[in-house]
Amino acid sequence: MPLPAHLSRFYGSGLTSQAARDRLVERLRDQGISNESVLEIIRQTPRHHFIDEALENHAYNNTALPIGFGQTISQPYIVAKMTEALIENGRLEKVLEIGTGCGYQTAILAHFSNQVYSIERIGSFLISAQKRLEQLKIKNIQLIHGDGYLGLKEYAPFQGILVAAAPPEIPRSLLEQLALNGRLIIPVGDAQHQTLYQITRTRNNFESKILDKVYFVPLKEGLYT
């Protein structure tokens, strides 16, 4: 018996099937993603659930896709790379995400943290992301309409902060909201040149490590309804 239409899209078929997710995971493994827990969560998570139906046949291509307002859902390799770097030392107590977007990266992070706080400046994104995450029964998240440049001081410190858009330089507020030994994963640069950094807070300073060359949409200040 065929699945009802609403469930058929949720579970996927053809180019959105579990087999398509399996092929994506193998490509990510070939590109150097080695954390099997991250790969397994990407395998389980229906990326097509987070994009427009018109694009769902491209959901398991290893590429960024538009989601509106000039924003994108990140390339699966970058989602995996950033998540892997963030949780290298194990599961985290509290994570801050800057840039909820469609909610896909949020869904991945929720499996590796007891609590995820996610800030999004575009109000309409929060409504759709909340609905998608509820449909996946992901409950350990709190979505906030706010300015990512400011972070979320009232819930700091965070063991991990992941930024899904690129500022020209690292906001001081995010560094200050990192817990001791906490990690900030952030792309930095302009439209032509961006570098993905892993910043670790030590007792007296911050240590940085270059992870990759990347391309993200710019991190913008202020709110948009």
N, C-alpha and C. Protein backbone atom coordinates (compact mmCIF):
# COMPACT_ATOMS: atom_id res chain seq x y z
N MET A 1 0.85 -1.20 0.00
CA MET A 1 0.00 0.00 0.00
C MET A 1 0.89 1.25 0.00
N PRO A 2 0.68 2.20 -0.93
CA PRO A 2 1.51 3.41 -0.96
C PRO A 2 1.26 4.28 0.26
N LEU A 3 2.31 5.03 0.66
CA LEU A 3 2.18 5.96 1.78
C LEU A 3 1.29 7.12 1.40
N PRO A 4 0.58 7.72 2.36
CA PRO A 4 -0.14 8.97 2.10
C PRO A 4 0.84 10.03 1.60
N ALA A 5 0.34 11.01 0.83
CA ALA A 5 1.20 12.01 0.19
C ALA A 5 2.09 12.74 1.19
N HIS A 6 1.51 13.13 2.35
CA HIS A 6 2.30 13.91 3.30
C HIS A 6 3.41 13.08 3.92
N LEU A 7 3.18 11.76 4.11
CA LEU A 7 4.21 10.91 4.65
C LEU A 7 5.22 10.51 3.60
N SER A 8 4.77 10.38 2.34
CA SER A 8 5.68 10.03 1.25
C SER A 8 6.78 11.06 1.11
N ARG A 9 6.42 12.34 1.18
CA ARG A 9 7.45 13.38 1.06
C ARG A 9 8.37 13.36 2.28
N PHE A 10 7.82 13.08 3.44
CA PHE A 10 8.62 13.08 4.66
C PHE A 10 9.72 12.02 4.60
N TYR A 11 9.36 10.80 4.20
CA TYR A 11 10.34 9.71 4.17
C TYR A 11 11.18 9.72 2.90
N GLY A 12 10.64 10.25 1.83
CA GLY A 12 11.40 10.35 0.60
C GLY A 12 11.26 9.14 -0.30
N SER A 13 11.50 9.37 -1.59
CA SER A 13 11.48 8.29 -2.57
C SER A 13 12.31 8.74 -3.76
N GLY A 14 12.78 7.80 -4.57
CA GLY A 14 13.58 8.16 -5.74
C GLY A 14 14.83 8.92 -5.33
N LEU A 15 14.96 10.14 -5.84
CA LEU A 15 16.15 10.96 -5.56
C LEU A 15 16.17 11.50 -4.14
N THR A 16 15.11 11.28 -3.36
CA THR A 16 15.11 11.70 -1.95
C THR A 16 15.04 10.49 -1.02
N SER A 17 15.30 9.30 -1.53
CA SER A 17 15.17 8.07 -0.75
C SER A 17 16.34 7.86 0.20
N GLN A 18 16.21 6.83 1.04
CA GLN A 18 17.31 6.47 1.93
C GLN A 18 18.56 6.10 1.14
N ALA A 19 18.38 5.48 -0.02
CA ALA A 19 19.53 5.14 -0.86
C ALA A 19 20.29 6.39 -1.29
N ALA A 20 19.57 7.48 -1.58
CA ALA A 20 20.21 8.74 -1.95
C ALA A 20 21.02 9.29 -0.78
N ARG A 21 20.48 9.16 0.43
CA ARG A 21 21.21 9.62 1.62
C ARG A 21 22.46 8.77 1.84
N ASP A 22 22.33 7.48 1.60
CA ASP A 22 23.49 6.59 1.76
C ASP A 22 24.61 6.99 0.79
N ARG A 23 24.26 7.31 -0.45
CA ARG A 23 25.28 7.73 -1.42
C ARG A 23 25.93 9.03 -1.00
N LEU A 24 25.13 9.96 -0.46
CA LEU A 24 25.70 11.22 0.03
C LEU A 24 26.72 10.96 1.13
N VAL A 25 26.38 10.11 2.07
CA VAL A 25 27.28 9.80 3.19
C VAL A 25 28.59 9.21 2.67
N GLU A 26 28.52 8.36 1.68
CA GLU A 26 29.75 7.79 1.11
C GLU A 26 30.62 8.87 0.46
N ARG A 27 29.99 9.84 -0.19
CA ARG A 27 30.74 10.95 -0.77
C ARG A 27 31.41 11.78 0.33
N LEU A 28 30.70 12.02 1.42
CA LEU A 28 31.27 12.78 2.52
C LEU A 28 32.45 12.03 3.14
N ARG A 29 32.31 10.73 3.27
CA ARG A 29 33.41 9.92 3.81
C ARG A 29 34.63 10.01 2.88
N ASP A 30 34.39 9.97 1.58
CA ASP A 30 35.49 10.07 0.61
C ASP A 30 36.17 11.44 0.69
N GLN A 31 35.43 12.48 1.10
CA GLN A 31 35.99 13.82 1.21
C GLN A 31 36.72 14.05 2.53
N GLY A 32 36.72 13.05 3.41
CA GLY A 32 37.50 13.16 4.63
C GLY A 32 36.71 13.28 5.91
N ILE A 33 35.38 13.28 5.85
CA ILE A 33 34.60 13.29 7.08
C ILE A 33 34.72 11.91 7.73
N SER A 34 35.22 11.88 8.96
CA SER A 34 35.54 10.59 9.58
C SER A 34 34.72 10.28 10.83
N ASN A 35 34.01 11.26 11.37
CA ASN A 35 33.21 11.02 12.57
C ASN A 35 31.95 10.23 12.18
N GLU A 36 31.92 8.96 12.57
CA GLU A 36 30.83 8.09 12.16
C GLU A 36 29.49 8.51 12.74
N SER A 37 29.51 9.12 13.92
CA SER A 37 28.25 9.60 14.51
C SER A 37 27.66 10.73 13.67
N VAL A 38 28.51 11.64 13.21
CA VAL A 38 28.05 12.73 12.34
C VAL A 38 27.52 12.17 11.03
N LEU A 39 28.24 11.25 10.43
CA LEU A 39 27.80 10.65 9.18
C LEU A 39 26.46 9.93 9.34
N GLU A 40 26.28 9.26 10.46
CA GLU A 40 25.03 8.52 10.68
C GLU A 40 23.85 9.46 10.85
N ILE A 41 24.04 10.57 11.56
CA ILE A 41 22.94 11.53 11.72
C ILE A 41 22.59 12.17 10.39
N ILE A 42 23.59 12.47 9.56
CA ILE A 42 23.31 13.00 8.23
C ILE A 42 22.57 11.96 7.40
N ARG A 43 22.93 10.71 7.56
CA ARG A 43 22.23 9.63 6.85
C ARG A 43 20.76 9.57 7.27
N GLN A 44 20.49 9.80 8.54
CA GLN A 44 19.12 9.67 9.07
C GLN A 44 18.26 10.90 8.82
N THR A 45 18.87 12.05 8.63
CA THR A 45 18.12 13.31 8.59
C THR A 45 17.63 13.61 7.17
N PRO A 46 16.32 13.79 6.98
CA PRO A 46 15.77 14.04 5.63
C PRO A 46 16.00 15.49 5.18
N ARG A 47 17.12 15.71 4.51
CA ARG A 47 17.46 17.08 4.07
C ARG A 47 16.38 17.66 3.16
N HIS A 48 15.72 16.81 2.38
CA HIS A 48 14.68 17.31 1.48
C HIS A 48 13.51 17.92 2.25
N HIS A 49 13.38 17.55 3.51
CA HIS A 49 12.33 18.09 4.37
C HIS A 49 12.53 19.59 4.65
N PHE A 50 13.75 20.08 4.42
CA PHE A 50 14.10 21.46 4.80
C PHE A 50 14.18 22.40 3.61
N ILE A 51 13.83 21.93 2.41
CA ILE A 51 13.89 22.79 1.24
C ILE A 51 12.56 22.77 0.49
N ASP A 52 12.43 23.66 -0.46
CA ASP A 52 11.22 23.73 -1.27
C ASP A 52 11.05 22.46 -2.11
N GLU A 53 9.81 22.05 -2.30
CA GLU A 53 9.54 20.83 -3.07
C GLU A 53 10.14 20.90 -4.47
N ALA A 54 10.21 22.09 -5.05
CA ALA A 54 10.74 22.22 -6.40
C ALA A 54 12.22 21.84 -6.50
N LEU A 55 12.91 21.88 -5.37
CA LEU A 55 14.34 21.57 -5.35
C LEU A 55 14.65 20.24 -4.70
N GLU A 56 13.65 19.50 -4.26
CA GLU A 56 13.92 18.33 -3.42
C GLU A 56 14.71 17.24 -4.15
N ASN A 57 14.65 17.17 -5.48
CA ASN A 57 15.44 16.17 -6.19
C ASN A 57 16.94 16.47 -6.14
N HIS A 58 17.30 17.68 -5.68
CA HIS A 58 18.71 18.04 -5.53
C HIS A 58 19.16 17.96 -4.06
N ALA A 59 18.27 17.50 -3.19
CA ALA A 59 18.54 17.57 -1.75
C ALA A 59 19.79 16.81 -1.34
N TYR A 60 20.08 15.70 -2.00
CA TYR A 60 21.22 14.87 -1.58
C TYR A 60 22.41 14.99 -2.51
N ASN A 61 22.38 16.06 -3.34
CA ASN A 61 23.60 16.49 -4.01
C ASN A 61 24.46 17.22 -2.98
N ASN A 62 25.75 17.15 -3.12
CA ASN A 62 26.63 17.79 -2.15
C ASN A 62 26.85 19.25 -2.54
N THR A 63 25.77 20.02 -2.42
CA THR A 63 25.81 21.41 -2.84
C THR A 63 24.87 22.26 -1.97
N ALA A 64 25.17 23.55 -1.86
CA ALA A 64 24.26 24.48 -1.20
C ALA A 64 23.06 24.73 -2.11
N LEU A 65 21.91 25.05 -1.50
CA LEU A 65 20.69 25.31 -2.27
C LEU A 65 19.99 26.55 -1.72
N PRO A 66 19.32 27.31 -2.58
CA PRO A 66 18.64 28.52 -2.11
C PRO A 66 17.41 28.19 -1.27
N ILE A 67 17.18 29.03 -0.24
CA ILE A 67 16.00 28.86 0.61
C ILE A 67 15.18 30.15 0.71
N GLY A 68 15.57 31.17 -0.07
CA GLY A 68 14.85 32.44 -0.04
C GLY A 68 15.62 33.53 0.68
N PHE A 69 15.24 34.78 0.42
CA PHE A 69 15.86 35.95 1.05
C PHE A 69 17.38 35.99 0.82
N GLY A 70 17.84 35.42 -0.29
CA GLY A 70 19.27 35.42 -0.58
C GLY A 70 20.08 34.50 0.30
N GLN A 71 19.42 33.59 1.02
CA GLN A 71 20.09 32.67 1.93
C GLN A 71 20.12 31.26 1.33
N THR A 72 20.95 30.39 1.91
CA THR A 72 21.06 29.03 1.41
C THR A 72 21.07 28.02 2.55
N ILE A 73 20.72 26.78 2.21
CA ILE A 73 20.99 25.64 3.07
C ILE A 73 22.41 25.19 2.72
N SER A 74 23.26 25.04 3.72
CA SER A 74 24.68 24.80 3.48
C SER A 74 24.92 23.46 2.79
N GLN A 75 26.01 23.39 2.07
CA GLN A 75 26.47 22.15 1.45
C GLN A 75 26.64 21.08 2.54
N PRO A 76 26.16 19.86 2.30
CA PRO A 76 26.29 18.81 3.31
C PRO A 76 27.71 18.59 3.82
N TYR A 77 28.70 18.70 2.94
CA TYR A 77 30.08 18.54 3.39
C TYR A 77 30.43 19.58 4.45
N ILE A 78 30.00 20.82 4.24
CA ILE A 78 30.31 21.89 5.20
C ILE A 78 29.56 21.68 6.51
N VAL A 79 28.31 21.25 6.43
CA VAL A 79 27.55 20.93 7.65
C VAL A 79 28.28 19.86 8.45
N ALA A 80 28.72 18.81 7.75
CA ALA A 80 29.44 17.73 8.42
C ALA A 80 30.78 18.20 8.98
N LYS A 81 31.51 18.98 8.21
CA LYS A 81 32.83 19.48 8.62
C LYS A 81 32.72 20.33 9.88
N MET A 82 31.76 21.25 9.89
CA MET A 82 31.59 22.15 11.02
C MET A 82 31.13 21.39 12.27
N THR A 83 30.20 20.47 12.07
CA THR A 83 29.70 19.69 13.20
C THR A 83 30.80 18.82 13.78
N GLU A 84 31.56 18.17 12.92
CA GLU A 84 32.66 17.32 13.35
C GLU A 84 33.68 18.11 14.16
N ALA A 85 34.01 19.32 13.70
CA ALA A 85 34.97 20.15 14.42
C ALA A 85 34.43 20.61 15.77
N LEU A 86 33.13 20.91 15.81
CA LEU A 86 32.52 21.41 17.04
C LEU A 86 32.51 20.35 18.13
N ILE A 87 32.25 19.10 17.76
CA ILE A 87 32.05 18.04 18.77
C ILE A 87 33.24 17.09 18.87
N GLU A 88 34.40 17.54 18.42
CA GLU A 88 35.58 16.68 18.39
C GLU A 88 35.88 16.05 19.74
N ASN A 89 35.59 16.78 20.82
CA ASN A 89 35.88 16.26 22.16
C ASN A 89 34.68 15.60 22.82
N GLY A 90 33.61 15.39 22.06
CA GLY A 90 32.45 14.70 22.61
C GLY A 90 31.20 15.55 22.65
N ARG A 91 30.15 14.97 23.20
CA ARG A 91 28.85 15.63 23.29
C ARG A 91 28.95 16.90 24.13
N LEU A 92 28.16 17.92 23.74
CA LEU A 92 28.20 19.22 24.39
C LEU A 92 26.95 19.46 25.23
N GLU A 93 27.12 20.25 26.27
CA GLU A 93 26.00 20.57 27.15
C GLU A 93 25.08 21.61 26.50
N LYS A 94 25.68 22.66 25.95
CA LYS A 94 24.89 23.80 25.46
C LYS A 94 25.58 24.40 24.23
N VAL A 95 24.82 24.53 23.14
CA VAL A 95 25.36 25.04 21.87
C VAL A 95 24.55 26.25 21.42
N LEU A 96 25.24 27.22 20.86
CA LEU A 96 24.61 28.37 20.23
C LEU A 96 24.86 28.29 18.72
N GLU A 97 23.79 28.37 17.95
CA GLU A 97 23.90 28.44 16.49
C GLU A 97 23.51 29.84 16.05
N ILE A 98 24.32 30.44 15.19
CA ILE A 98 24.00 31.74 14.61
C ILE A 98 23.56 31.51 13.17
N GLY A 99 22.29 31.76 12.89
CA GLY A 99 21.75 31.55 11.55
C GLY A 99 20.98 30.26 11.43
N THR A 100 19.74 30.25 11.91
CA THR A 100 18.90 29.05 11.85
C THR A 100 18.60 28.66 10.42
N GLY A 101 18.29 29.67 9.58
CA GLY A 101 17.91 29.38 8.20
C GLY A 101 16.72 28.45 8.14
N CYS A 102 16.83 27.38 7.38
CA CYS A 102 15.74 26.43 7.23
C CYS A 102 15.68 25.43 8.38
N GLY A 103 16.72 25.37 9.21
CA GLY A 103 16.70 24.49 10.37
C GLY A 103 17.47 23.19 10.21
N TYR A 104 18.09 22.95 9.05
CA TYR A 104 18.78 21.68 8.82
C TYR A 104 19.99 21.51 9.73
N GLN A 105 20.87 22.52 9.77
CA GLN A 105 22.02 22.42 10.66
C GLN A 105 21.58 22.33 12.12
N THR A 106 20.51 23.01 12.47
CA THR A 106 19.96 22.95 13.82
C THR A 106 19.58 21.52 14.17
N ALA A 107 18.93 20.84 13.22
CA ALA A 107 18.51 19.45 13.45
C ALA A 107 19.70 18.55 13.67
N ILE A 108 20.78 18.77 12.93
CA ILE A 108 21.99 17.96 13.11
C ILE A 108 22.60 18.23 14.49
N LEU A 109 22.72 19.49 14.86
CA LEU A 109 23.32 19.86 16.14
C LEU A 109 22.54 19.30 17.32
N ALA A 110 21.23 19.20 17.18
CA ALA A 110 20.39 18.74 18.29
C ALA A 110 20.75 17.33 18.74
N HIS A 111 21.35 16.55 17.88
CA HIS A 111 21.74 15.19 18.23
C HIS A 111 23.05 15.12 19.03
N PHE A 112 23.75 16.25 19.10
CA PHE A 112 25.08 16.26 19.74
C PHE A 112 25.19 17.22 20.91
N SER A 113 24.06 17.78 21.31
CA SER A 113 24.05 18.73 22.42
C SER A 113 22.79 18.53 23.25
N ASN A 114 22.90 18.73 24.54
CA ASN A 114 21.72 18.64 25.39
C ASN A 114 20.72 19.76 25.11
N GLN A 115 21.24 20.94 24.72
CA GLN A 115 20.37 22.08 24.42
C GLN A 115 21.01 22.91 23.32
N VAL A 116 20.21 23.24 22.31
CA VAL A 116 20.66 24.10 21.21
C VAL A 116 19.83 25.38 21.23
N TYR A 117 20.51 26.51 21.28
CA TYR A 117 19.87 27.82 21.10
C TYR A 117 20.26 28.30 19.71
N SER A 118 19.28 28.67 18.90
CA SER A 118 19.56 29.07 17.53
C SER A 118 18.95 30.44 17.25
N ILE A 119 19.78 31.36 16.79
CA ILE A 119 19.36 32.73 16.51
C ILE A 119 19.19 32.92 15.00
N GLU A 120 18.10 33.55 14.61
CA GLU A 120 17.85 33.88 13.20
C GLU A 120 17.31 35.29 13.11
N ARG A 121 17.84 36.11 12.19
CA ARG A 121 17.41 37.49 12.06
C ARG A 121 16.16 37.63 11.18
N ILE A 122 15.87 36.62 10.34
CA ILE A 122 14.72 36.68 9.45
C ILE A 122 13.55 35.93 10.11
N GLY A 123 12.55 36.69 10.51
CA GLY A 123 11.48 36.12 11.31
C GLY A 123 10.73 34.98 10.65
N SER A 124 10.46 35.09 9.34
CA SER A 124 9.69 34.05 8.66
C SER A 124 10.43 32.72 8.61
N PHE A 125 11.76 32.76 8.61
CA PHE A 125 12.53 31.51 8.66
C PHE A 125 12.26 30.75 9.95
N LEU A 126 12.13 31.48 11.05
CA LEU A 126 11.91 30.82 12.34
C LEU A 126 10.60 30.05 12.36
N ILE A 127 9.57 30.61 11.75
CA ILE A 127 8.27 29.95 11.75
C ILE A 127 8.34 28.62 11.01
N SER A 128 8.94 28.64 9.81
CA SER A 128 9.01 27.40 9.03
C SER A 128 9.99 26.41 9.64
N ALA A 129 11.11 26.90 10.19
CA ALA A 129 12.07 25.99 10.83
C ALA A 129 11.46 25.32 12.04
N GLN A 130 10.71 26.05 12.84
CA GLN A 130 10.06 25.48 14.02
C GLN A 130 9.10 24.36 13.63
N LYS A 131 8.34 24.58 12.58
CA LYS A 131 7.39 23.57 12.11
C LYS A 131 8.12 22.31 11.66
N ARG A 132 9.19 22.48 10.89
CA ARG A 132 9.94 21.32 10.39
C ARG A 132 10.56 20.52 11.53
N LEU A 133 11.14 21.23 12.49
CA LEU A 133 11.79 20.55 13.61
C LEU A 133 10.78 19.84 14.49
N GLU A 134 9.61 20.43 14.67
CA GLU A 134 8.55 19.77 15.43
C GLU A 134 8.09 18.50 14.72
N GLN A 135 8.00 18.54 13.40
CA GLN A 135 7.59 17.35 12.64
C GLN A 135 8.59 16.21 12.80
N LEU A 136 9.87 16.57 13.00
CA LEU A 136 10.91 15.56 13.24
C LEU A 136 11.01 15.19 14.72
N LYS A 137 10.15 15.80 15.55
CA LYS A 137 10.09 15.52 16.99
C LYS A 137 11.42 15.85 17.68
N ILE A 138 12.05 16.94 17.22
CA ILE A 138 13.28 17.43 17.86
C ILE A 138 12.87 18.51 18.85
N LYS A 139 13.14 18.28 20.13
CA LYS A 139 12.59 19.15 21.18
C LYS A 139 13.64 19.91 21.97
N ASN A 140 14.91 19.53 21.88
CA ASN A 140 15.93 20.18 22.71
C ASN A 140 16.54 21.40 22.02
N ILE A 141 15.65 22.23 21.45
CA ILE A 141 16.09 23.44 20.76
C ILE A 141 15.24 24.62 21.21
N GLN A 142 15.82 25.79 21.12
CA GLN A 142 15.06 27.03 21.34
C GLN A 142 15.45 27.99 20.24
N LEU A 143 14.48 28.38 19.42
CA LEU A 143 14.71 29.30 18.31
C LEU A 143 14.41 30.72 18.76
N ILE A 144 15.28 31.64 18.37
CA ILE A 144 15.19 33.02 18.85
C ILE A 144 15.33 33.99 17.69
N HIS A 145 14.41 34.94 17.59
CA HIS A 145 14.52 36.02 16.59
C HIS A 145 15.45 37.07 17.16
N GLY A 146 16.65 37.14 16.60
CA GLY A 146 17.64 38.04 17.18
C GLY A 146 18.78 38.35 16.22
N ASP A 147 19.70 39.17 16.71
CA ASP A 147 20.87 39.61 15.96
C ASP A 147 22.05 38.71 16.33
N GLY A 148 22.51 37.92 15.38
CA GLY A 148 23.58 36.98 15.65
C GLY A 148 24.88 37.62 16.07
N TYR A 149 25.09 38.87 15.67
CA TYR A 149 26.31 39.58 16.07
C TYR A 149 26.40 39.71 17.59
N LEU A 150 25.24 39.76 18.23
CA LEU A 150 25.22 39.97 19.67
C LEU A 150 25.33 38.67 20.46
N GLY A 151 25.12 37.54 19.78
CA GLY A 151 25.10 36.27 20.49
C GLY A 151 23.88 36.18 21.38
N LEU A 152 24.03 35.48 22.50
CA LEU A 152 22.90 35.27 23.41
C LEU A 152 23.46 35.27 24.84
N LYS A 153 23.78 36.46 25.30
CA LYS A 153 24.50 36.62 26.56
C LYS A 153 23.76 36.00 27.74
N GLU A 154 22.42 36.05 27.70
CA GLU A 154 21.65 35.58 28.86
C GLU A 154 21.75 34.07 29.07
N TYR A 155 22.17 33.34 28.06
CA TYR A 155 22.32 31.89 28.19
C TYR A 155 23.78 31.43 28.17
N ALA A 156 24.69 32.36 28.05
CA ALA A 156 26.12 32.03 28.02
C ALA A 156 26.58 31.58 29.41
N PRO A 157 27.69 30.83 29.50
CA PRO A 157 28.61 30.47 28.40
C PRO A 157 28.16 29.22 27.67
N PHE A 158 28.65 29.08 26.42
CA PHE A 158 28.34 27.95 25.57
C PHE A 158 29.59 27.09 25.36
N GLN A 159 29.40 25.79 25.36
CA GLN A 159 30.51 24.89 25.08
C GLN A 159 30.82 24.86 23.58
N GLY A 160 29.86 25.26 22.78
CA GLY A 160 30.06 25.34 21.34
C GLY A 160 29.23 26.45 20.73
N ILE A 161 29.82 27.15 19.78
CA ILE A 161 29.09 28.16 18.99
C ILE A 161 29.40 27.89 17.52
N LEU A 162 28.37 27.76 16.71
CA LEU A 162 28.53 27.52 15.28
C LEU A 162 27.85 28.65 14.52
N VAL A 163 28.58 29.26 13.61
CA VAL A 163 28.07 30.41 12.86
C VAL A 163 27.92 30.03 11.39
N ALA A 164 26.71 30.20 10.85
CA ALA A 164 26.41 29.75 9.49
C ALA A 164 26.35 30.89 8.48
N ALA A 165 27.07 31.98 8.77
CA ALA A 165 27.21 33.10 7.84
C ALA A 165 28.53 33.78 8.18
N ALA A 166 29.09 34.52 7.22
CA ALA A 166 30.46 35.01 7.38
C ALA A 166 30.52 36.51 7.71
N PRO A 167 31.01 36.86 8.90
CA PRO A 167 31.32 38.25 9.19
C PRO A 167 32.70 38.60 8.63
N PRO A 168 33.01 39.89 8.46
CA PRO A 168 34.34 40.26 7.99
C PRO A 168 35.42 39.99 9.04
N GLU A 169 35.02 39.99 10.30
CA GLU A 169 35.93 39.62 11.39
C GLU A 169 35.10 39.01 12.52
N ILE A 170 35.76 38.29 13.41
CA ILE A 170 35.03 37.56 14.45
C ILE A 170 34.43 38.53 15.47
N PRO A 171 33.12 38.47 15.69
CA PRO A 171 32.49 39.35 16.70
C PRO A 171 33.03 39.05 18.10
N ARG A 172 33.44 40.08 18.79
CA ARG A 172 33.98 39.92 20.14
C ARG A 172 32.95 39.30 21.08
N SER A 173 31.69 39.63 20.87
CA SER A 173 30.64 39.12 21.75
C SER A 173 30.60 37.59 21.74
N LEU A 174 30.85 36.97 20.59
CA LEU A 174 30.81 35.52 20.51
C LEU A 174 32.00 34.90 21.24
N LEU A 175 33.15 35.50 21.14
CA LEU A 175 34.32 35.02 21.88
C LEU A 175 34.06 35.08 23.38
N GLU A 176 33.45 36.16 23.81
CA GLU A 176 33.20 36.35 25.24
C GLU A 176 32.18 35.36 25.78
N GLN A 177 31.32 34.82 24.91
CA GLN A 177 30.27 33.90 25.36
C GLN A 177 30.68 32.43 25.29
N LEU A 178 31.94 32.18 24.92
CA LEU A 178 32.46 30.81 24.91
C LEU A 178 32.84 30.39 26.32
N ALA A 179 32.52 29.16 26.67
CA ALA A 179 32.98 28.58 27.93
C ALA A 179 34.47 28.24 27.82
N LEU A 180 35.12 28.05 28.95
CA LEU A 180 36.50 27.58 28.96
C LEU A 180 36.57 26.25 28.22
N ASN A 181 37.50 26.16 27.28
CA ASN A 181 37.67 25.00 26.39
C ASN A 181 36.55 24.87 25.35
N GLY A 182 35.65 25.85 25.32
CA GLY A 182 34.59 25.85 24.31
C GLY A 182 35.14 26.18 22.94
N ARG A 183 34.38 25.82 21.91
CA ARG A 183 34.82 26.01 20.53
C ARG A 183 33.83 26.87 19.74
N LEU A 184 34.39 27.76 18.97
CA LEU A 184 33.64 28.57 18.03
C LEU A 184 34.04 28.14 16.62
N ILE A 185 33.07 27.73 15.81
CA ILE A 185 33.32 27.37 14.42
C ILE A 185 32.68 28.46 13.57
N ILE A 186 33.51 29.18 12.80
CA ILE A 186 33.00 30.38 12.14
C ILE A 186 33.74 30.65 10.83
N PRO A 187 33.00 30.96 9.74
CA PRO A 187 33.63 31.44 8.52
C PRO A 187 33.88 32.94 8.62
N VAL A 188 35.01 33.40 8.15
CA VAL A 188 35.37 34.82 8.26
C VAL A 188 35.90 35.29 6.91
N GLY A 189 35.45 36.47 6.46
CA GLY A 189 35.98 37.04 5.22
C GLY A 189 34.93 37.78 4.44
N ASP A 190 35.30 38.18 3.21
CA ASP A 190 34.39 38.91 2.33
C ASP A 190 33.83 37.97 1.27
N ALA A 191 33.18 38.53 0.27
CA ALA A 191 32.52 37.70 -0.74
C ALA A 191 33.50 36.91 -1.59
N GLN A 192 34.75 37.37 -1.67
CA GLN A 192 35.74 36.69 -2.50
C GLN A 192 36.60 35.68 -1.75
N HIS A 193 36.91 35.98 -0.49
CA HIS A 193 37.83 35.13 0.26
C HIS A 193 37.30 34.90 1.68
N GLN A 194 37.02 33.64 2.00
CA GLN A 194 36.55 33.29 3.34
C GLN A 194 37.31 32.07 3.85
N THR A 195 37.57 32.09 5.14
CA THR A 195 38.27 30.98 5.79
C THR A 195 37.43 30.48 6.95
N LEU A 196 37.32 29.17 7.07
CA LEU A 196 36.58 28.57 8.18
C LEU A 196 37.56 28.31 9.32
N TYR A 197 37.25 28.89 10.49
CA TYR A 197 38.13 28.78 11.67
C TYR A 197 37.49 27.96 12.77
N GLN A 198 38.33 27.30 13.52
CA GLN A 198 37.96 26.70 14.80
C GLN A 198 38.71 27.48 15.87
N ILE A 199 37.96 28.16 16.73
CA ILE A 199 38.55 28.96 17.81
C ILE A 199 38.25 28.27 19.13
N THR A 200 39.29 28.02 19.92
CA THR A 200 39.12 27.37 21.23
C THR A 200 39.50 28.34 22.33
N ARG A 201 38.65 28.46 23.33
CA ARG A 201 38.96 29.35 24.45
C ARG A 201 39.82 28.62 25.47
N THR A 202 40.99 29.16 25.75
CA THR A 202 41.87 28.61 26.77
C THR A 202 41.77 29.46 28.02
N ARG A 203 42.51 29.09 29.05
CA ARG A 203 42.40 29.81 30.32
C ARG A 203 42.81 31.28 30.18
N ASN A 204 43.79 31.55 29.31
CA ASN A 204 44.29 32.92 29.21
C ASN A 204 44.12 33.56 27.85
N ASN A 205 43.62 32.81 26.86
CA ASN A 205 43.60 33.34 25.50
C ASN A 205 42.65 32.54 24.63
N PHE A 206 42.81 32.68 23.31
CA PHE A 206 42.07 31.92 22.32
C PHE A 206 43.05 31.32 21.34
N GLU A 207 42.84 30.06 20.98
CA GLU A 207 43.67 29.40 19.99
C GLU A 207 42.85 29.19 18.72
N SER A 208 43.45 29.48 17.57
CA SER A 208 42.73 29.34 16.30
C SER A 208 43.37 28.29 15.41
N LYS A 209 42.51 27.67 14.61
CA LYS A 209 42.94 26.64 13.66
C LYS A 209 42.14 26.83 12.38
N ILE A 210 42.82 26.82 11.24
CA ILE A 210 42.14 26.93 9.95
C ILE A 210 41.62 25.55 9.55
N LEU A 211 40.33 25.50 9.19
CA LEU A 211 39.72 24.24 8.81
C LEU A 211 39.58 24.08 7.30
N ASP A 212 39.28 25.19 6.59
CA ASP A 212 39.00 25.04 5.16
C ASP A 212 38.80 26.43 4.55
N LYS A 213 38.83 26.48 3.24
CA LYS A 213 38.38 27.65 2.49
C LYS A 213 36.91 27.42 2.17
N VAL A 214 36.08 28.44 2.36
CA VAL A 214 34.64 28.26 2.24
C VAL A 214 33.99 29.45 1.55
N TYR A 215 32.70 29.31 1.28
CA TYR A 215 31.90 30.44 0.81
C TYR A 215 30.54 30.41 1.49
N PHE A 216 30.26 31.43 2.30
CA PHE A 216 28.99 31.59 2.98
C PHE A 216 28.38 32.94 2.61
N VAL A 217 27.08 33.05 2.81
CA VAL A 217 26.44 34.37 2.71
C VAL A 217 26.97 35.23 3.86
N PRO A 218 26.95 36.56 3.71
CA PRO A 218 27.48 37.42 4.77
C PRO A 218 26.60 37.41 6.02
N LEU A 219 27.24 37.54 7.18
CA LEU A 219 26.51 37.70 8.43
C LEU A 219 26.07 39.16 8.55
N LYS A 220 24.76 39.38 8.69
CA LYS A 220 24.22 40.74 8.74
C LYS A 220 23.73 41.07 10.13
N GLU A 221 23.77 42.35 10.45
CA GLU A 221 23.28 42.83 11.74
C GLU A 221 21.81 43.21 11.65
N GLY A 222 21.15 43.28 12.80
CA GLY A 222 19.78 43.73 12.87
C GLY A 222 18.78 42.62 12.60
N LEU A 223 17.49 42.99 12.63
CA LEU A 223 16.40 42.03 12.46
C LEU A 223 15.64 42.30 11.18
N TYR A 224 15.03 41.23 10.65
CA TYR A 224 14.20 41.32 9.47
C TYR A 224 12.98 40.44 9.72
N THR A 225 11.80 41.02 9.60
CA THR A 225 10.59 40.26 9.90
C THR A 225 10.13 39.44 8.71
